[in-house]
Amino acid sequence: MASRLKLNHSKVRHATIERCANLLMSNDSSARRTAAEVAPLQPLDWLLLLTPGVVWGSSFYFISIALHSFAPGMITPMRVVLGCITLTFVPGVRAPVPRSAWRNIVLLALVWLAVPLAVFPFAEQHVSSSVTGMLNGATPLFVAMVAGVIARRLPPRGQIVGLAIGCIGVVLIALPSIREGSSSSFGVALIIGALMLYGFALNIASPLQQQFGALPVLWRAEIVAVVMLAPLGIYSTLNNDRPFEWSALAAVLALGVLGTAVAHYAMVMLAGRIGSTRAAASLYLMPAVSLALGVVVNNEDVAPLAIAGSGVAVLGAYVLSRSRRKMA
């Protein structure tokens, strides 16, 4: 009996970690998921694969443009309102969710949407959009760390190797900014704090979305986040003195409609078509897109050490995902 309980505990632990790595997993049967994960990619699959990585990788550039006209506290409330309105017109988002799930949805709105998304505009007043995007490429590492804490056990050796590589990458990305002084260090600290919240959020979101559907949960969380962010948005609007630019408004529209709605919808569709493991590859595009836009379009100076660190962090995330795939 003891050995059986130990085996069951191990299975639950591995399942928890696997769910965190595959946030938007389809609810199809395992046979259908297996078929999806080996089928050749169709043109629509490639489009869906590119969309989340490109959109989310661009979001940090859009934030830097939005800051030209809008105070940091205005950007996220507008973004979430636009995303929520856009998702309202997506079929299936109104699927029923039991009242018992609302407590976790409210918590999810806080740690996934309201706080982290509000942090990034403030952070980008101290660090470049490129560095912000490259650090966000380490999100899977923070998810895995939190999953290990929840499981109350060390992850397997392969995952420890991936985490170690990824952490080295994060340090390399952050080091040049930290050397620039206390202001840049504060920005890096804000980003790391937001990523830690993402780690907790995705552990909360995964079982909710698997049980009730990704989009119904996300839509309700965005509704709650709108309420949470309203005081910040109103206060920041009343005290905003930045000159209006149409490009800044366009950037906010892109953040809300594309980043907070369309990209999520594309990821859900992609996971259903090709399996969550292959769909997760889209996220590896984020640091590269963010770096390219920051350097080429925004004329940002990025230290070679930070660029190398971004590659190391992505490598760590890849090693981590490979280890999980072997466990499954």
Protein backbone atom coordinates (compact mmCIF):
# COMPACT_ATOMS: atom_id res chain seq x y z
CA MET A 1 0.00 0.00 0.00
CA ALA A 2 2.84 2.41 0.87
CA SER A 3 4.58 1.76 -2.44
CA ARG A 4 1.31 2.30 -4.31
CA LEU A 5 0.76 5.64 -2.54
CA LYS A 6 4.32 6.66 -3.33
CA LEU A 7 3.82 5.76 -6.99
CA ASN A 8 0.57 7.71 -7.14
CA HIS A 9 2.25 10.72 -5.53
CA SER A 10 5.01 10.58 -8.14
CA LYS A 11 2.47 10.42 -10.96
CA VAL A 12 0.58 13.41 -9.55
CA ARG A 13 3.80 15.38 -9.24
CA HIS A 14 4.87 14.66 -12.80
CA ALA A 15 1.38 15.45 -14.08
CA THR A 16 1.41 18.80 -12.26
CA ILE A 17 4.72 19.81 -13.81
CA GLU A 18 3.61 18.65 -17.26
CA ARG A 19 0.43 20.72 -17.02
CA CYS A 20 2.46 23.82 -16.19
CA ALA A 21 4.62 23.39 -19.29
CA ASN A 22 1.52 22.87 -21.48
CA LEU A 23 -0.74 25.70 -20.33
CA LEU A 24 -3.06 25.67 -23.30
CA MET A 25 -3.34 21.91 -23.72
CA SER A 26 -6.27 20.62 -25.71
CA ASN A 27 -9.01 18.67 -23.96
CA ASP A 28 -9.08 16.04 -26.74
CA SER A 29 -8.40 12.39 -26.05
CA SER A 30 -4.80 11.22 -25.79
CA ALA A 31 -5.13 9.35 -29.09
CA ARG A 32 -6.16 12.51 -30.92
CA ARG A 33 -3.35 14.48 -29.26
CA THR A 34 -0.83 11.87 -30.37
CA ALA A 35 -2.06 12.05 -33.95
CA ALA A 36 -1.94 15.85 -33.88
CA GLU A 37 1.61 15.91 -32.57
CA VAL A 38 3.00 13.83 -35.46
CA ALA A 39 0.93 15.15 -38.39
CA PRO A 40 2.72 17.39 -40.93
CA LEU A 41 2.12 21.11 -40.42
CA GLN A 42 -0.35 22.73 -42.80
CA PRO A 43 -0.09 26.38 -43.98
CA LEU A 44 -2.65 27.44 -41.36
CA ASP A 45 -0.61 25.67 -38.68
CA TRP A 46 2.49 27.67 -39.64
CA LEU A 47 0.51 30.91 -39.47
CA LEU A 48 -0.86 30.01 -36.06
CA LEU A 49 2.61 28.94 -34.92
CA LEU A 50 4.13 32.30 -35.83
CA THR A 51 1.32 34.47 -34.47
CA PRO A 52 1.72 34.12 -30.66
CA GLY A 53 5.51 34.35 -30.68
CA VAL A 54 5.61 37.35 -33.01
CA VAL A 55 2.75 39.18 -31.27
CA TRP A 56 3.97 38.59 -27.72
CA GLY A 57 7.56 39.28 -28.75
CA SER A 58 6.40 42.60 -30.25
CA SER A 59 4.44 43.62 -27.16
CA PHE A 60 7.47 45.08 -25.38
CA TYR A 61 8.23 47.26 -28.40
CA PHE A 62 4.60 48.40 -28.44
CA ILE A 63 4.84 49.28 -24.75
CA SER A 64 7.89 51.46 -25.42
CA ILE A 65 5.94 53.32 -28.14
CA ALA A 66 2.83 53.66 -25.97
CA LEU A 67 4.92 55.30 -23.24
CA HIS A 68 5.47 58.29 -25.55
CA SER A 69 1.89 59.44 -24.90
CA PHE A 70 0.51 57.44 -22.00
CA ALA A 71 1.63 57.15 -18.39
CA PRO A 72 2.69 53.61 -17.39
CA GLY A 73 -0.43 53.18 -15.28
CA MET A 74 -2.70 53.87 -18.26
CA ILE A 75 -1.31 51.30 -20.68
CA THR A 76 -2.28 48.04 -19.00
CA PRO A 77 -5.88 49.03 -18.10
CA MET A 78 -6.49 50.08 -21.72
CA ARG A 79 -4.80 46.94 -22.98
CA VAL A 80 -6.90 44.59 -20.86
CA VAL A 81 -10.15 46.42 -21.68
CA LEU A 82 -9.43 46.09 -25.41
CA GLY A 83 -8.47 42.43 -25.05
CA CYS A 84 -11.60 41.66 -23.06
CA ILE A 85 -13.84 43.38 -25.62
CA THR A 86 -12.16 41.50 -28.47
CA LEU A 87 -12.54 38.12 -26.78
CA THR A 88 -16.23 38.83 -26.19
CA PHE A 89 -16.84 38.24 -29.90
CA VAL A 90 -14.96 34.92 -29.99
CA PRO A 91 -17.26 31.86 -30.10
CA GLY A 92 -17.15 29.73 -27.00
CA VAL A 93 -15.88 32.25 -24.45
CA ARG A 94 -19.27 32.37 -22.74
CA ALA A 95 -19.22 28.64 -21.99
CA PRO A 96 -20.43 28.15 -18.40
CA VAL A 97 -17.92 28.05 -15.57
CA PRO A 98 -19.11 26.90 -12.12
CA ARG A 99 -19.21 29.33 -9.23
CA SER A 100 -16.66 27.22 -7.36
CA ALA A 101 -14.00 28.15 -9.94
CA TRP A 102 -14.38 31.89 -9.51
CA ARG A 103 -12.06 32.16 -6.51
CA ASN A 104 -9.17 30.85 -8.58
CA ILE A 105 -10.22 32.97 -11.55
CA VAL A 106 -10.02 36.09 -9.36
CA LEU A 107 -6.59 35.02 -8.12
CA LEU A 108 -5.57 34.34 -11.72
CA ALA A 109 -6.70 37.81 -12.77
CA LEU A 110 -4.43 39.29 -10.11
CA VAL A 111 -1.22 37.30 -10.64
CA TRP A 112 -1.46 36.68 -14.41
CA LEU A 113 -2.99 39.89 -15.75
CA ALA A 114 -3.42 42.82 -13.38
CA VAL A 115 -0.05 42.89 -11.61
CA PRO A 116 2.46 41.48 -14.15
CA LEU A 117 1.05 43.34 -17.14
CA ALA A 118 0.98 46.55 -15.11
CA VAL A 119 4.61 46.06 -14.08
CA PHE A 120 6.11 45.95 -17.58
CA PRO A 121 5.36 49.59 -18.58
CA PHE A 122 6.93 50.79 -15.32
CA ALA A 123 9.93 48.50 -15.86
CA GLU A 124 10.46 49.78 -19.40
CA GLN A 125 11.06 53.24 -18.02
CA HIS A 126 14.30 51.81 -16.62
CA VAL A 127 15.34 49.07 -19.08
CA SER A 128 14.99 48.64 -22.82
CA SER A 129 12.20 46.74 -24.54
CA SER A 130 14.82 44.30 -25.86
CA VAL A 131 16.01 43.33 -22.38
CA THR A 132 12.41 43.07 -21.16
CA GLY A 133 11.53 40.71 -24.00
CA MET A 134 14.67 38.61 -23.60
CA LEU A 135 14.03 38.16 -19.88
CA ASN A 136 10.46 37.09 -20.66
CA GLY A 137 11.89 34.24 -22.69
CA ALA A 138 12.79 32.68 -19.34
CA THR A 139 9.13 32.38 -18.26
CA PRO A 140 9.10 28.54 -18.58
CA LEU A 141 11.93 28.38 -16.04
CA PHE A 142 9.91 30.26 -13.43
CA VAL A 143 6.88 28.07 -14.13
CA ALA A 144 8.98 24.96 -13.53
CA MET A 145 10.45 26.37 -10.32
CA VAL A 146 7.02 27.11 -8.90
CA ALA A 147 5.77 23.69 -9.98
CA GLY A 148 8.63 22.11 -8.04
CA VAL A 149 7.72 24.14 -4.95
CA ILE A 150 4.08 23.05 -5.26
CA ALA A 151 5.17 19.42 -5.61
CA ARG A 152 7.46 19.87 -2.56
CA ARG A 153 10.16 17.83 -4.22
CA LEU A 154 13.17 18.51 -6.40
CA PRO A 155 12.52 18.01 -10.13
CA PRO A 156 14.29 15.20 -12.01
CA ARG A 157 17.94 15.62 -12.96
CA GLY A 158 17.20 16.59 -16.56
CA GLN A 159 14.94 19.41 -15.45
CA ILE A 160 17.51 20.61 -12.91
CA VAL A 161 20.05 20.86 -15.74
CA GLY A 162 17.59 22.87 -17.83
CA LEU A 163 16.81 25.17 -14.90
CA ALA A 164 20.50 25.71 -14.18
CA ILE A 165 21.26 26.59 -17.81
CA GLY A 166 18.27 28.91 -17.94
CA CYS A 167 19.19 30.70 -14.72
CA ILE A 168 22.69 31.34 -16.06
CA GLY A 169 21.06 32.85 -19.14
CA VAL A 170 18.87 35.13 -17.02
CA VAL A 171 21.92 36.37 -15.11
CA LEU A 172 23.77 37.07 -18.36
CA ILE A 173 20.80 39.04 -19.74
CA ALA A 174 20.40 41.09 -16.57
CA LEU A 175 24.08 41.73 -15.79
CA PRO A 176 24.74 44.56 -18.30
CA SER A 177 21.60 46.41 -17.14
CA ILE A 178 22.51 45.97 -13.49
CA ARG A 179 25.95 47.43 -14.17
CA GLU A 180 24.32 50.58 -15.55
CA GLY A 181 23.15 51.63 -12.10
CA SER A 182 20.34 51.44 -9.57
CA SER A 183 17.64 52.63 -12.00
CA SER A 184 18.25 49.80 -14.46
CA SER A 185 18.62 47.33 -11.59
CA PHE A 186 15.19 48.37 -10.34
CA GLY A 187 13.70 47.72 -13.77
CA VAL A 188 15.26 44.26 -13.92
CA ALA A 189 13.93 43.51 -10.43
CA LEU A 190 10.42 44.50 -11.51
CA ILE A 191 10.61 42.16 -14.51
CA ILE A 192 11.92 39.24 -12.44
CA GLY A 193 9.09 39.82 -9.95
CA ALA A 194 6.54 39.76 -12.78
CA LEU A 195 8.00 36.51 -14.12
CA MET A 196 7.74 34.94 -10.67
CA LEU A 197 4.06 35.87 -10.62
CA TYR A 198 3.71 34.30 -14.07
CA GLY A 199 5.15 31.12 -12.57
CA PHE A 200 2.38 31.01 -9.97
CA ALA A 201 -0.27 32.13 -12.46
CA LEU A 202 0.38 29.41 -15.01
CA ASN A 203 0.23 26.77 -12.31
CA ILE A 204 -3.22 28.10 -11.37
CA ALA A 205 -4.38 28.56 -14.96
CA SER A 206 -3.42 25.16 -16.32
CA PRO A 207 -5.90 22.97 -14.39
CA LEU A 208 -8.62 25.61 -14.71
CA GLN A 209 -8.22 25.86 -18.46
CA GLN A 210 -8.00 22.12 -18.95
CA GLN A 211 -11.26 21.67 -17.05
CA PHE A 212 -13.31 24.62 -18.31
CA GLY A 213 -11.54 25.68 -21.51
CA ALA A 214 -8.75 28.19 -22.05
CA LEU A 215 -10.77 31.04 -23.54
CA PRO A 216 -13.72 31.00 -21.08
CA VAL A 217 -11.27 31.17 -18.17
CA LEU A 218 -9.13 33.86 -19.80
CA TRP A 219 -12.13 36.01 -20.73
CA ARG A 220 -13.52 35.94 -17.18
CA ALA A 221 -10.08 36.64 -15.73
CA GLU A 222 -9.77 39.67 -18.00
CA ILE A 223 -13.17 40.95 -16.84
CA VAL A 224 -11.98 40.75 -13.23
CA ALA A 225 -8.64 42.33 -14.15
CA VAL A 226 -10.45 45.30 -15.73
CA VAL A 227 -12.12 45.98 -12.37
CA MET A 228 -8.83 45.56 -10.50
CA LEU A 229 -6.97 47.92 -12.82
CA ALA A 230 -9.66 50.61 -12.96
CA PRO A 231 -8.35 52.70 -10.02
CA LEU A 232 -4.81 52.69 -11.45
CA GLY A 233 -6.09 53.64 -14.88
CA ILE A 234 -8.29 56.48 -13.63
CA TYR A 235 -5.57 57.94 -11.40
CA SER A 236 -2.93 57.72 -14.13
CA THR A 237 -5.25 59.28 -16.73
CA LEU A 238 -6.03 62.25 -14.49
CA ASN A 239 -2.32 62.86 -13.92
CA ASN A 240 -1.05 62.18 -17.43
CA ASP A 241 0.71 65.12 -19.10
CA ARG A 242 2.40 63.38 -22.03
CA PRO A 243 1.70 64.71 -25.55
CA PHE A 244 -0.65 62.61 -27.65
CA GLU A 245 0.72 60.65 -30.61
CA TRP A 246 -1.31 58.48 -32.95
CA SER A 247 1.49 55.91 -33.01
CA ALA A 248 1.14 55.48 -29.25
CA LEU A 249 -2.59 54.86 -29.58
CA ALA A 250 -1.94 52.33 -32.35
CA ALA A 251 0.56 50.58 -30.07
CA VAL A 252 -2.04 50.29 -27.30
CA LEU A 253 -4.57 48.92 -29.77
CA ALA A 254 -2.04 46.31 -30.89
CA LEU A 255 -1.28 45.38 -27.28
CA GLY A 256 -4.95 44.93 -26.45
CA VAL A 257 -6.46 43.40 -29.56
CA LEU A 258 -3.48 41.33 -30.68
CA GLY A 259 -1.48 40.66 -27.52
CA THR A 260 -4.31 40.18 -25.02
CA ALA A 261 -6.83 38.46 -27.30
CA VAL A 262 -5.78 37.30 -30.79
CA ALA A 263 -2.48 35.70 -29.72
CA HIS A 264 -4.23 33.70 -26.98
CA TYR A 265 -6.90 32.56 -29.43
CA ALA A 266 -4.24 31.53 -31.95
CA MET A 267 -2.37 29.54 -29.30
CA VAL A 268 -5.52 27.69 -28.26
CA MET A 269 -6.33 26.83 -31.89
CA LEU A 270 -2.73 25.77 -32.51
CA ALA A 271 -2.62 23.49 -29.46
CA GLY A 272 -5.80 21.80 -30.65
CA ARG A 273 -4.43 21.28 -34.16
CA ILE A 274 -0.82 20.18 -33.58
CA GLY A 275 -0.63 19.37 -29.85
CA SER A 276 0.54 21.54 -26.98
CA THR A 277 4.16 20.34 -27.12
CA ARG A 278 4.74 21.57 -30.66
CA ALA A 279 2.59 24.65 -30.06
CA ALA A 280 4.90 25.70 -27.22
CA ALA A 281 7.68 26.16 -29.80
CA SER A 282 6.00 29.44 -30.73
CA LEU A 283 7.16 30.93 -27.44
CA TYR A 284 10.82 30.52 -28.41
CA LEU A 285 10.29 33.28 -30.99
CA MET A 286 9.55 35.91 -28.34
CA PRO A 287 13.13 36.89 -27.38
CA ALA A 288 14.30 37.02 -30.99
CA VAL A 289 11.38 39.18 -32.11
CA SER A 290 11.76 41.50 -29.14
CA LEU A 291 15.50 41.84 -29.74
CA ALA A 292 15.08 42.50 -33.47
CA LEU A 293 12.44 45.20 -32.98
CA GLY A 294 14.34 46.84 -30.15
CA VAL A 295 17.64 47.04 -32.00
CA VAL A 296 16.53 47.56 -35.61
CA VAL A 297 13.37 49.66 -35.17
CA ASN A 298 13.79 51.25 -31.73
CA ASN A 299 17.56 51.86 -32.06
CA GLU A 300 18.31 50.31 -28.68
CA ASP A 301 21.83 49.39 -27.62
CA VAL A 302 21.96 45.82 -26.35
CA ALA A 303 25.10 44.36 -24.83
CA PRO A 304 26.47 41.25 -26.60
CA LEU A 305 26.50 39.53 -23.20
CA ALA A 306 22.73 40.02 -22.90
CA ILE A 307 22.17 38.64 -26.40
CA ALA A 308 24.25 35.58 -25.54
CA GLY A 309 22.31 35.22 -22.31
CA SER A 310 19.03 35.20 -24.22
CA GLY A 311 20.27 32.25 -26.26
CA VAL A 312 21.38 30.45 -23.10
CA ALA A 313 17.99 31.05 -21.45
CA VAL A 314 16.14 29.68 -24.48
CA LEU A 315 18.48 26.67 -24.48
CA GLY A 316 17.64 26.06 -20.83
CA ALA A 317 13.92 26.22 -21.60
CA TYR A 318 14.43 23.78 -24.47
CA VAL A 319 16.36 21.31 -22.29
CA LEU A 320 13.61 21.62 -19.70
CA SER A 321 10.88 20.87 -22.24
CA ARG A 322 12.82 17.90 -23.65
CA SER A 323 13.15 16.44 -20.15
CA ARG A 324 9.41 16.80 -19.56
CA ARG A 325 8.62 15.17 -22.88
CA LYS A 326 10.68 12.12 -21.91
CA MET A 327 8.82 11.93 -18.58
CA ALA A 328 5.40 11.99 -20.27
